[in-house]
Amino acid sequence: MGVVVIGYNDSAHVGEAVRSALAQGPAVREVVAVDDCSTDGSAGLLAGLAAGEPRLKVVVRGVNSGGCGTPRNTGLDAVTAPYVMFLDSDDTLPPGAVDALLTAVTGARAELAGGLCVRRELPSGHELPWQPALYSAPAVVTRPSQRPRLVRDTLCVNKLYRTDFLRRHGIRFPEGRFLYEDFVFSARVLAAGPRIALVPDPVYVWNVRRASGRLSLSLDRAAIDNWRARTEACELAYDVLLGAGQKELARAARAKFLDHELRMYTRELELRDTAYRRAWWEHTRTYLERFDAGDREPDPASPGRLLARVLLASPEPRDLPRLRELAARPARLRPPYARTADGTPVWSRDLPEVTLTSLLTRPVRLLPLAVDAELRPRARATRLRLRLHELYGRVAQAGPETVEAEWRRREDGRTSARHTCELTPSADGTWSAQAPLDLDALGAGTWDLYLRLRFAHGAYRDATAHALAGAGLLRRRAVPSTRHGVLLVQPYATHSGALALRVAAGARGVMTVARGRLRRLLH
């Protein structure tokens, strides 16, 4: 099989990517490295590697394409092996990836095989699986329409393709500076109706370098052009599937947009300036108007569809803090909980056309329950205070009993001891609880709060908590520590408004924070 590696001005990483492909062993017959007219010496580095490795072929483009699609097409044209994979210059293939995919695709007599992609946050090294539900167990899908969730994995790099399948159907990437080109490529693959083998093995490591000087094209979301490019790619993918008669997959692509793209960009909307917000709101409304009723009506209280309904009902940006919380994972619908004169639940009194009646029958585990959290770090007996809001009578109806609180360190996934606390009804119609927090036991790191709300008859809802910000609550504090000498503790709100905690331990940790703050002030 062949591996196509593409790169542009990435001499710091492209060598590692190529070596990870060659290290897959004799199953890799050729590696085609396509340099997209780099100016940082990447081509020379690749030529040096090729001098000692007959399996490596280097193709240097004379003009930079501005995107990833054209160099991938160039590499695909140069491949002579019966199977092909794609690899970006700043990522790697883990050991055994090719063998796992090749065994699956040949054993199932499939046109392609897909495996688990792992997002690795650098420099922390924390790993997060991409679309793990698709790759939980080995499976063979005879037709993509049997598993509509396939449209959610828009990556092209965690898959192995039969080369003749791609060429026979004329499947290629969009050319030039076309962002999210893999959305369209993946739709073209599914539209051709391949037989697909799925494996749970990790087959691709996607390195996410947020602190680097140059963000990847997909991570650079600060400009409105990025959102326009993303919606263009989503629309083209939808058109490809619909044009091929794959109506169920096309509808699943619409649902994926509402649940993934719309929620992700809504969470970040408050970070942007007024001009961006207005442009984003107008463009998104125009795009959502293309959706038919069938795209929006199933489960109208699901977070993505509810976001879309508010956007379409309001010509101007509004309720951004509340929309941000609704776009969170899990979703939180914060007060006010308005009703019309006849008692119908609605988004707000001035937006009564957005009804929320489906919340009255939605399962408890799917309700967008809102919990407020307050944390004041102290030398002794730090306590987490929680308040659960009512939601149109559904919380009282479900019978809240306890809340389990757990902190999870973002860098490595380590969890704290879980504390279970009773939920006590309050006079204002909410329920409250308090959980102890041992800051010494937590130690250094960035910690996210996760809750499990338990109700009568075994029902539960997993949740995060809204970070209350009043009266200096989200302020950095120095706390004496018997284990570390001193802890620097800062509760803060994430982009989605959830409570999280940064902890620096010991004198060295405190100095690291101080130097970082000084650098930001000087900058």
Protein backbone atom coordinates (compact mmCIF):
# COMPACT_ATOMS: atom_id res chain seq x y z
CA MET A 1 0.00 0.00 0.00
CA GLY A 2 1.01 3.66 -0.31
CA VAL A 3 0.93 6.61 2.10
CA VAL A 4 0.60 10.16 0.78
CA VAL A 5 2.24 12.70 3.11
CA ILE A 6 1.58 16.38 2.40
CA GLY A 7 3.34 19.40 3.88
CA TYR A 8 4.01 23.09 3.52
CA ASN A 9 6.71 24.95 5.49
CA ASP A 10 6.69 22.27 8.17
CA SER A 11 10.31 21.13 8.24
CA ALA A 12 10.10 20.76 12.03
CA HIS A 13 7.61 17.89 11.79
CA VAL A 14 7.44 16.41 8.27
CA GLY A 15 10.40 14.09 8.87
CA GLU A 16 8.67 12.50 11.86
CA ALA A 17 5.49 12.02 9.83
CA VAL A 18 7.36 10.29 6.99
CA ARG A 19 9.31 8.08 9.38
CA SER A 20 6.07 7.01 11.12
CA ALA A 21 4.73 5.86 7.73
CA LEU A 22 7.91 4.00 6.80
CA ALA A 23 8.00 2.38 10.26
CA GLN A 24 4.74 0.57 9.51
CA GLY A 25 6.88 -2.14 7.92
CA PRO A 26 6.82 -4.02 4.61
CA ALA A 27 3.06 -3.53 4.18
CA VAL A 28 3.92 0.05 3.12
CA ARG A 29 5.32 -0.32 -0.36
CA GLU A 30 5.68 3.38 -1.04
CA VAL A 31 5.47 6.75 0.69
CA VAL A 32 4.77 9.70 -1.58
CA ALA A 33 5.78 12.96 0.14
CA VAL A 34 4.30 16.01 -1.59
CA ASP A 35 5.91 19.33 -0.70
CA ASP A 36 3.57 22.21 -1.58
CA CYS A 37 6.33 24.65 -2.65
CA SER A 38 7.79 25.20 0.83
CA THR A 39 10.34 27.93 1.53
CA ASP A 40 11.75 26.54 4.80
CA GLY A 41 13.96 23.76 3.48
CA SER A 42 11.34 21.02 3.72
CA ALA A 43 12.06 19.80 0.19
CA GLY A 44 15.77 19.39 0.93
CA LEU A 45 15.03 17.53 4.15
CA LEU A 46 12.72 15.15 2.29
CA ALA A 47 15.30 14.64 -0.45
CA GLY A 48 17.85 13.69 2.20
CA LEU A 49 15.48 11.09 3.64
CA ALA A 50 14.71 9.70 0.19
CA ALA A 51 18.42 9.25 -0.57
CA GLY A 52 18.57 6.48 2.00
CA GLU A 53 15.07 5.05 1.60
CA PRO A 54 14.00 3.57 -1.77
CA ARG A 55 10.33 3.42 -0.70
CA LEU A 56 10.16 7.22 -0.35
CA LYS A 57 9.26 9.29 -3.41
CA VAL A 58 9.36 13.09 -3.14
CA VAL A 59 7.19 15.34 -5.32
CA VAL A 60 7.85 19.08 -5.09
CA ARG A 61 5.12 21.34 -6.43
CA GLY A 62 6.25 24.44 -8.32
CA VAL A 63 3.44 26.67 -6.99
CA ASN A 64 1.85 26.67 -3.57
CA SER A 65 -1.80 25.59 -3.76
CA GLY A 66 -2.99 27.37 -0.62
CA GLY A 67 -4.73 24.29 0.75
CA CYS A 68 -4.52 20.57 1.39
CA GLY A 69 -6.66 19.22 -1.47
CA THR A 70 -4.31 19.85 -4.39
CA PRO A 71 -1.20 18.22 -2.85
CA ARG A 72 -3.28 15.21 -1.81
CA ASN A 73 -4.55 14.87 -5.39
CA THR A 74 -0.95 15.17 -6.62
CA GLY A 75 0.07 12.37 -4.29
CA LEU A 76 -2.88 10.21 -5.24
CA ASP A 77 -1.92 10.53 -8.91
CA ALA A 78 1.62 9.35 -8.10
CA VAL A 79 0.61 6.31 -6.03
CA THR A 80 1.06 2.91 -7.71
CA ALA A 81 0.03 0.70 -4.75
CA PRO A 82 -3.43 -0.92 -4.60
CA TYR A 83 -4.30 0.86 -1.33
CA VAL A 84 -3.65 4.40 -0.14
CA MET A 85 -3.74 6.45 3.07
CA PHE A 86 -3.28 10.19 3.65
CA LEU A 87 -1.06 11.72 6.32
CA ASP A 88 -0.48 15.38 7.22
CA SER A 89 3.05 16.59 7.90
CA ASP A 90 2.42 17.47 11.56
CA ASP A 91 0.72 14.17 12.45
CA THR A 92 1.85 10.55 12.74
CA LEU A 93 0.71 6.98 12.19
CA PRO A 94 0.93 4.91 15.39
CA PRO A 95 2.64 1.50 15.25
CA GLY A 96 0.42 -1.19 13.74
CA ALA A 97 -1.99 1.23 12.08
CA VAL A 98 -1.48 -0.01 8.51
CA ASP A 99 -1.56 -3.70 9.47
CA ALA A 100 -4.86 -3.21 11.34
CA LEU A 101 -6.52 -1.39 8.42
CA LEU A 102 -5.07 -3.66 5.73
CA THR A 103 -6.18 -6.80 7.55
CA ALA A 104 -9.69 -5.37 7.97
CA VAL A 105 -10.14 -4.17 4.40
CA THR A 106 -8.89 -7.38 2.78
CA GLY A 107 -10.71 -9.65 5.24
CA ALA A 108 -14.02 -7.88 4.58
CA ARG A 109 -13.37 -7.45 0.85
CA ALA A 110 -14.19 -3.80 1.38
CA GLU A 111 -13.39 -0.65 -0.56
CA LEU A 112 -12.16 1.15 2.52
CA ALA A 113 -11.33 0.60 6.18
CA GLY A 114 -11.53 3.16 8.95
CA GLY A 115 -10.07 3.22 12.45
CA LEU A 116 -9.83 5.40 15.51
CA CYS A 117 -8.19 8.81 15.25
CA VAL A 118 -6.71 10.20 18.47
CA ARG A 119 -6.47 13.96 19.00
CA ARG A 120 -3.31 14.64 20.98
CA GLU A 121 -3.15 18.06 22.63
CA LEU A 122 0.40 19.37 22.71
CA PRO A 123 2.45 20.02 24.71
CA SER A 124 0.34 18.34 27.43
CA GLY A 125 0.04 15.06 25.52
CA HIS A 126 -3.60 14.62 26.60
CA GLU A 127 -5.39 12.35 24.13
CA LEU A 128 -9.02 12.42 23.08
CA PRO A 129 -10.58 9.87 20.68
CA TRP A 130 -12.36 11.28 17.64
CA GLN A 131 -15.85 9.84 17.05
CA PRO A 132 -15.22 6.86 19.36
CA ALA A 133 -18.80 5.54 19.02
CA LEU A 134 -18.10 4.63 15.38
CA TYR A 135 -15.04 2.59 16.24
CA SER A 136 -16.00 0.88 19.50
CA ALA A 137 -15.88 -2.62 17.96
CA PRO A 138 -14.94 -4.29 14.65
CA ALA A 139 -17.74 -4.02 12.10
CA VAL A 140 -18.46 -4.37 8.40
CA VAL A 141 -20.94 -1.94 6.85
CA THR A 142 -22.20 -3.19 3.50
CA ARG A 143 -23.80 0.17 2.63
CA PRO A 144 -23.11 3.58 4.25
CA SER A 145 -26.85 4.23 4.63
CA GLN A 146 -26.92 1.39 7.19
CA ARG A 147 -24.87 3.58 9.53
CA PRO A 148 -25.77 7.28 8.99
CA ARG A 149 -23.40 8.28 11.79
CA LEU A 150 -20.56 7.72 9.31
CA VAL A 151 -21.15 11.27 8.05
CA ARG A 152 -19.89 12.61 11.39
CA ASP A 153 -16.39 11.34 10.74
CA THR A 154 -15.35 13.79 8.06
CA LEU A 155 -11.63 13.01 8.40
CA CYS A 156 -9.92 11.44 5.41
CA VAL A 157 -6.72 10.51 7.26
CA ASN A 158 -7.89 7.70 9.55
CA LYS A 159 -8.92 5.52 6.62
CA LEU A 160 -7.35 3.24 4.04
CA TYR A 161 -8.85 3.29 0.53
CA ARG A 162 -8.68 0.98 -2.44
CA THR A 163 -6.86 3.09 -5.00
CA ASP A 164 -8.87 1.71 -7.93
CA PHE A 165 -12.13 2.52 -6.07
CA LEU A 166 -11.17 6.19 -5.81
CA ARG A 167 -10.04 6.34 -9.45
CA ARG A 168 -13.02 4.42 -10.82
CA HIS A 169 -15.46 6.86 -9.20
CA GLY A 170 -13.34 9.94 -9.90
CA ILE A 171 -13.15 10.76 -6.18
CA ARG A 172 -10.76 13.62 -5.54
CA PHE A 173 -10.32 16.54 -3.17
CA PRO A 174 -11.43 20.09 -4.02
CA GLU A 175 -8.49 21.97 -5.52
CA GLY A 176 -6.78 25.16 -4.36
CA ARG A 177 -7.46 27.06 -1.16
CA PHE A 178 -10.59 25.18 -0.17
CA LEU A 179 -10.83 24.78 3.60
CA TYR A 180 -12.38 21.62 5.02
CA GLU A 181 -11.68 19.78 1.79
CA ASP A 182 -11.98 16.45 3.61
CA PHE A 183 -15.70 17.17 4.25
CA VAL A 184 -16.31 17.07 0.51
CA PHE A 185 -13.93 14.18 -0.16
CA SER A 186 -15.56 12.07 2.57
CA ALA A 187 -19.04 12.82 1.17
CA ARG A 188 -17.90 11.75 -2.30
CA VAL A 189 -16.60 8.51 -0.84
CA LEU A 190 -19.87 7.75 0.98
CA ALA A 191 -21.92 8.77 -2.06
CA ALA A 192 -20.22 6.01 -4.06
CA GLY A 193 -21.69 3.43 -1.66
CA PRO A 194 -18.55 1.52 -0.59
CA ARG A 195 -18.39 -1.55 1.58
CA ILE A 196 -16.63 -0.38 4.76
CA ALA A 197 -14.66 -2.18 7.44
CA LEU A 198 -14.33 -0.48 10.84
CA VAL A 199 -11.73 -1.31 13.51
CA PRO A 200 -11.33 -0.05 17.10
CA ASP A 201 -7.53 0.22 16.74
CA PRO A 202 -5.88 3.67 16.94
CA VAL A 203 -4.69 4.30 13.38
CA TYR A 204 -3.93 8.03 13.31
CA VAL A 205 -2.53 10.61 15.76
CA TRP A 206 -3.82 14.12 15.11
CA ASN A 207 -1.43 16.49 16.85
CA VAL A 208 -3.18 19.68 17.99
CA ARG A 209 -0.67 22.48 18.53
CA ARG A 210 -2.82 25.41 19.72
CA ALA A 211 0.16 27.30 21.13
CA SER A 212 2.15 27.20 17.90
CA GLY A 213 2.82 30.37 15.93
CA ARG A 214 0.76 29.07 13.01
CA LEU A 215 -2.58 27.39 13.68
CA SER A 216 -3.78 24.72 11.29
CA LEU A 217 -6.37 25.86 8.76
CA SER A 218 -9.20 24.15 10.63
CA LEU A 219 -8.22 25.52 14.06
CA ASP A 220 -7.91 29.14 12.92
CA ARG A 221 -11.55 30.09 13.51
CA ALA A 222 -11.13 33.75 14.52
CA ALA A 223 -12.05 35.21 11.09
CA ILE A 224 -15.56 35.09 9.61
CA ASP A 225 -14.10 33.66 6.37
CA ASN A 226 -13.41 30.44 8.25
CA TRP A 227 -17.10 30.06 9.10
CA ARG A 228 -18.12 30.85 5.55
CA ALA A 229 -15.68 28.23 4.26
CA ARG A 230 -16.99 25.66 6.71
CA THR A 231 -20.63 26.19 5.78
CA GLU A 232 -19.66 26.07 2.08
CA ALA A 233 -17.97 22.70 2.62
CA CYS A 234 -20.95 21.39 4.61
CA GLU A 235 -23.37 22.50 1.89
CA LEU A 236 -21.29 20.94 -0.88
CA ALA A 237 -21.05 17.67 1.08
CA TYR A 238 -24.84 17.71 1.52
CA ASP A 239 -25.36 18.33 -2.20
CA VAL A 240 -23.01 15.45 -3.09
CA LEU A 241 -24.93 13.00 -0.90
CA LEU A 242 -28.36 14.21 -2.01
CA GLY A 243 -27.31 14.17 -5.67
CA ALA A 244 -26.25 10.53 -5.30
CA GLY A 245 -29.67 9.59 -3.93
CA GLN A 246 -28.31 9.13 -0.40
CA LYS A 247 -31.18 11.02 1.24
CA GLU A 248 -30.72 9.48 4.68
CA LEU A 249 -27.02 10.36 4.70
CA ALA A 250 -27.78 13.87 3.45
CA ARG A 251 -30.23 14.40 6.32
CA ALA A 252 -27.65 13.00 8.75
CA ALA A 253 -25.18 15.57 7.40
CA ARG A 254 -27.66 18.34 8.21
CA ALA A 255 -28.10 16.95 11.72
CA LYS A 256 -24.32 16.80 12.14
CA PHE A 257 -24.06 20.49 11.20
CA LEU A 258 -26.64 21.46 13.83
CA ASP A 259 -25.13 19.30 16.54
CA HIS A 260 -21.44 19.90 15.84
CA GLU A 261 -20.57 22.95 13.74
CA LEU A 262 -23.36 25.22 14.96
CA ARG A 263 -22.78 24.40 18.61
CA MET A 264 -18.98 24.76 18.39
CA TYR A 265 -19.05 28.20 16.77
CA THR A 266 -21.90 29.42 19.00
CA ARG A 267 -19.80 28.61 22.08
CA GLU A 268 -17.08 30.91 20.74
CA LEU A 269 -19.33 33.74 19.60
CA GLU A 270 -18.91 35.88 22.72
CA LEU A 271 -15.13 35.86 22.13
CA ARG A 272 -15.58 37.76 18.84
CA ASP A 273 -16.11 41.45 18.22
CA THR A 274 -19.40 43.06 17.27
CA ALA A 275 -18.68 43.08 13.54
CA TYR A 276 -17.91 39.35 13.55
CA ARG A 277 -21.04 38.54 15.55
CA ARG A 278 -23.31 40.42 13.15
CA ALA A 279 -21.67 38.88 10.08
CA TRP A 280 -21.82 35.39 11.63
CA TRP A 281 -25.46 35.79 12.65
CA GLU A 282 -26.53 37.01 9.21
CA HIS A 283 -24.58 34.33 7.34
CA THR A 284 -25.83 31.53 9.60
CA ARG A 285 -29.46 32.62 9.26
CA THR A 286 -29.09 32.63 5.47
CA TYR A 287 -27.56 29.16 5.54
CA LEU A 288 -30.18 27.72 7.91
CA GLU A 289 -32.98 29.01 5.68
CA ARG A 290 -31.89 26.37 3.13
CA PHE A 291 -32.79 23.58 5.55
CA ASP A 292 -36.23 22.07 5.00
CA ALA A 293 -38.70 21.34 7.78
CA GLY A 294 -37.54 17.72 8.03
CA ASP A 295 -34.04 18.91 8.93
CA ARG A 296 -35.32 20.95 11.89
CA GLU A 297 -38.52 19.31 13.14
CA PRO A 298 -37.30 15.98 14.56
CA ASP A 299 -36.61 16.56 18.25
CA PRO A 300 -36.99 20.39 18.07
CA ALA A 301 -35.68 20.81 21.63
CA SER A 302 -32.34 19.18 20.91
CA PRO A 303 -29.62 21.79 21.53
CA GLY A 304 -28.56 22.28 17.90
CA ARG A 305 -32.09 22.53 16.55
CA LEU A 306 -33.11 24.90 19.35
CA LEU A 307 -30.12 27.12 18.54
CA ALA A 308 -31.21 27.15 14.89
CA ARG A 309 -34.78 28.09 15.82
CA VAL A 310 -33.63 31.06 17.92
CA LEU A 311 -31.33 32.24 15.13
CA LEU A 312 -34.08 32.05 12.51
CA ALA A 313 -36.56 33.84 14.77
CA SER A 314 -34.29 36.80 15.50
CA PRO A 315 -32.78 39.04 12.79
CA GLU A 316 -30.19 40.44 15.22
CA PRO A 317 -27.73 38.72 17.59
CA ARG A 318 -29.33 38.17 20.99
CA ASP A 319 -29.07 36.14 24.19
CA LEU A 320 -25.44 35.19 23.47
CA PRO A 321 -24.58 34.11 27.07
CA ARG A 322 -27.65 31.86 27.17
CA LEU A 323 -26.97 30.45 23.69
CA ARG A 324 -23.38 29.73 24.69
CA GLU A 325 -24.58 27.60 27.60
CA LEU A 326 -27.11 25.79 25.42
CA ALA A 327 -24.32 24.98 22.96
CA ALA A 328 -22.21 23.43 25.74
CA ARG A 329 -21.67 19.68 26.10
CA PRO A 330 -23.76 18.65 27.93
CA ALA A 331 -26.23 21.42 27.10
CA ARG A 332 -27.45 23.80 29.82
CA LEU A 333 -30.62 25.90 29.39
CA ARG A 334 -30.34 28.69 31.93
CA PRO A 335 -33.17 30.92 33.20
CA PRO A 336 -35.48 32.65 32.49
CA TYR A 337 -38.01 29.89 31.88
CA ALA A 338 -40.81 31.86 30.23
CA ARG A 339 -44.35 30.77 29.40
CA THR A 340 -47.11 32.25 27.30
CA ALA A 341 -50.46 33.22 28.79
CA ASP A 342 -51.79 29.71 28.16
CA GLY A 343 -48.80 28.13 29.92
CA THR A 344 -46.81 27.08 26.84
CA PRO A 345 -43.03 26.98 27.55
CA VAL A 346 -41.16 29.40 25.27
CA TRP A 347 -37.61 30.66 24.81
CA SER A 348 -38.46 34.11 26.19
CA ARG A 349 -41.40 36.46 26.49
CA ASP A 350 -40.22 38.51 23.51
CA LEU A 351 -39.56 35.40 21.40
CA PRO A 352 -42.72 33.34 22.03
CA GLU A 353 -42.62 31.74 18.57
CA VAL A 354 -39.75 29.54 19.75
CA THR A 355 -41.75 27.03 21.79
CA LEU A 356 -40.18 24.48 24.12
CA THR A 357 -43.11 22.09 24.54
CA SER A 358 -41.01 19.06 23.61
CA LEU A 359 -39.04 19.57 26.84
CA LEU A 360 -42.16 18.44 28.70
CA THR A 361 -41.77 14.89 27.34
CA ARG A 362 -38.01 14.70 26.78
CA PRO A 363 -36.25 11.95 28.81
CA VAL A 364 -34.55 13.23 31.98
CA ARG A 365 -31.13 12.05 30.75
CA LEU A 366 -31.47 14.42 27.76
CA LEU A 367 -32.87 17.49 29.50
CA PRO A 368 -30.63 20.61 29.28
CA LEU A 369 -30.59 21.03 33.06
CA ALA A 370 -28.83 24.09 34.47
CA VAL A 371 -26.61 23.92 37.54
CA ASP A 372 -24.85 26.98 39.01
CA ALA A 373 -21.52 26.48 40.77
CA GLU A 374 -19.70 28.69 43.26
CA LEU A 375 -16.19 28.00 44.53
CA ARG A 376 -14.11 30.06 46.97
CA PRO A 377 -10.66 28.48 47.46
CA ARG A 378 -9.62 28.49 51.12
CA ALA A 379 -6.77 27.14 53.19
CA ARG A 380 -9.19 24.83 54.95
CA ALA A 381 -12.57 23.39 54.09
CA THR A 382 -12.93 24.61 50.53
CA ARG A 383 -16.46 23.79 49.45
CA LEU A 384 -18.17 23.61 46.09
CA ARG A 385 -21.69 25.04 46.25
CA LEU A 386 -24.17 23.85 43.62
CA ARG A 387 -27.69 24.95 42.73
CA LEU A 388 -29.96 23.01 40.37
CA HIS A 389 -32.66 25.02 38.57
CA GLU A 390 -36.18 23.84 37.89
CA LEU A 391 -37.13 23.37 34.21
CA TYR A 392 -40.85 23.76 33.61
CA GLY A 393 -41.66 21.34 36.43
CA ARG A 394 -39.61 18.48 34.99
CA VAL A 395 -37.01 18.45 37.79
CA ALA A 396 -39.58 18.18 40.60
CA GLN A 397 -41.44 15.56 38.56
CA ALA A 398 -38.25 13.47 38.23
CA GLY A 399 -37.51 13.67 41.97
CA PRO A 400 -33.92 14.93 42.42
CA GLU A 401 -32.01 12.98 45.07
CA THR A 402 -28.23 13.41 44.89
CA VAL A 403 -25.42 14.94 42.85
CA GLU A 404 -22.03 13.30 42.30
CA ALA A 405 -19.16 15.76 41.79
CA GLU A 406 -15.85 14.81 40.20
CA TRP A 407 -12.89 16.87 38.97
CA ARG A 408 -10.99 15.66 35.89
CA ARG A 409 -7.50 16.90 35.01
CA ARG A 410 -7.39 18.07 31.41
CA GLU A 411 -3.72 17.22 30.87
CA ASP A 412 -4.01 13.48 31.47
CA GLY A 413 -7.63 12.64 32.32
CA ARG A 414 -6.84 11.82 35.98
CA THR A 415 -9.90 12.12 38.21
CA SER A 416 -10.36 13.22 41.80
CA ALA A 417 -12.30 11.32 44.43
CA ARG A 418 -16.02 11.44 43.63
CA HIS A 419 -18.24 13.07 46.27
CA THR A 420 -21.96 12.31 46.51
CA CYS A 421 -24.12 15.02 48.11
CA GLU A 422 -27.82 15.27 48.82
CA LEU A 423 -29.85 17.72 46.78
CA THR A 424 -31.94 19.81 49.17
CA PRO A 425 -35.00 21.78 48.00
CA SER A 426 -34.86 25.55 48.54
CA ALA A 427 -37.62 28.09 49.02
CA ASP A 428 -36.99 29.62 45.58
CA GLY A 429 -37.81 26.36 43.78
CA THR A 430 -34.22 25.27 43.21
CA TRP A 431 -32.19 22.45 44.80
CA SER A 432 -28.82 22.97 46.47
CA ALA A 433 -25.86 20.84 47.50
CA GLN A 434 -22.35 21.28 48.87
CA ALA A 435 -19.33 19.11 48.12
CA PRO A 436 -15.93 19.26 49.82
CA LEU A 437 -12.84 19.92 47.71
CA ASP A 438 -9.36 18.88 48.82
CA LEU A 439 -7.10 21.25 46.86
CA ASP A 440 -3.97 19.50 48.17
CA ALA A 441 -5.16 16.19 46.74
CA LEU A 442 -5.93 17.77 43.36
CA GLY A 443 -2.48 19.22 42.83
CA ALA A 444 -1.27 21.14 39.79
CA GLY A 445 -3.16 21.21 36.52
CA THR A 446 -6.32 22.40 34.81
CA TRP A 447 -9.36 20.68 36.28
CA ASP A 448 -12.86 20.43 34.77
CA LEU A 449 -15.91 19.77 36.94
CA TYR A 450 -18.27 16.93 35.97
CA LEU A 451 -21.57 16.19 37.69
CA ARG A 452 -24.05 13.35 37.69
CA LEU A 453 -27.52 14.32 38.89
CA ARG A 454 -29.48 11.36 40.20
CA PHE A 455 -33.28 11.20 40.37
CA ALA A 456 -35.91 8.80 41.63
CA HIS A 457 -36.30 5.39 39.97
CA GLY A 458 -32.67 5.30 38.81
CA ALA A 459 -32.84 8.18 36.32
CA TYR A 460 -29.77 10.40 35.98
CA ARG A 461 -28.38 13.27 33.93
CA ASP A 462 -24.67 13.98 33.36
CA ALA A 463 -23.96 17.70 33.52
CA THR A 464 -21.43 20.46 33.91
CA ALA A 465 -22.02 23.60 35.95
CA HIS A 466 -22.29 27.28 35.06
CA ALA A 467 -19.53 29.27 36.74
CA LEU A 468 -21.00 32.07 38.84
CA ALA A 469 -18.85 35.17 38.43
CA GLY A 470 -20.07 37.66 41.02
CA ALA A 471 -18.27 39.22 43.99
CA GLY A 472 -14.75 38.19 42.97
CA LEU A 473 -15.60 34.49 42.71
CA LEU A 474 -13.42 33.93 39.63
CA ARG A 475 -10.28 35.40 41.17
CA ARG A 476 -6.84 33.86 41.59
CA ARG A 477 -5.99 33.13 45.24
CA ALA A 478 -2.87 31.92 47.03
CA VAL A 479 -3.75 29.11 49.43
CA PRO A 480 -1.35 27.60 52.03
CA SER A 481 -0.69 23.92 51.40
CA THR A 482 0.74 21.28 53.74
CA ARG A 483 1.90 19.21 50.76
CA HIS A 484 3.17 21.89 48.35
CA GLY A 485 3.81 24.89 50.60
CA VAL A 486 1.51 27.08 48.54
CA LEU A 487 -1.13 26.64 45.85
CA LEU A 488 -2.18 29.31 43.38
CA VAL A 489 -5.83 28.54 42.62
CA GLN A 490 -8.04 30.22 40.03
CA PRO A 491 -11.64 29.21 39.33
CA TYR A 492 -12.64 30.31 35.83
CA ALA A 493 -15.34 29.96 33.18
CA THR A 494 -14.56 27.97 30.03
CA HIS A 495 -15.65 29.16 26.57
CA SER A 496 -18.98 27.45 27.20
CA GLY A 497 -19.37 29.07 30.64
CA ALA A 498 -18.61 25.92 32.66
CA LEU A 499 -16.68 26.03 35.92
CA ALA A 500 -13.05 24.90 35.72
CA LEU A 501 -10.04 25.29 37.97
CA ARG A 502 -6.38 26.14 37.36
CA VAL A 503 -3.97 25.08 40.09
CA ALA A 504 -0.24 25.89 40.27
CA ALA A 505 1.63 24.04 43.02
CA GLY A 506 4.68 25.14 44.99
CA ALA A 507 6.99 28.10 44.58
CA ARG A 508 8.07 26.95 41.11
CA GLY A 509 4.46 26.73 39.92
CA VAL A 510 3.68 30.18 41.31
CA MET A 511 6.74 31.65 39.57
CA THR A 512 5.74 30.03 36.27
CA VAL A 513 2.32 31.71 36.48
CA ALA A 514 3.92 35.05 37.42
CA ARG A 515 6.34 34.92 34.48
CA GLY A 516 3.52 34.06 32.09
CA ARG A 517 1.44 36.99 33.32
CA LEU A 518 4.42 39.33 32.99
CA ARG A 519 5.01 38.20 29.39
CA ARG A 520 1.36 38.89 28.54
CA LEU A 521 1.50 42.34 30.12
CA LEU A 522 4.69 43.23 28.22
CA HIS A 523 3.19 41.92 24.99
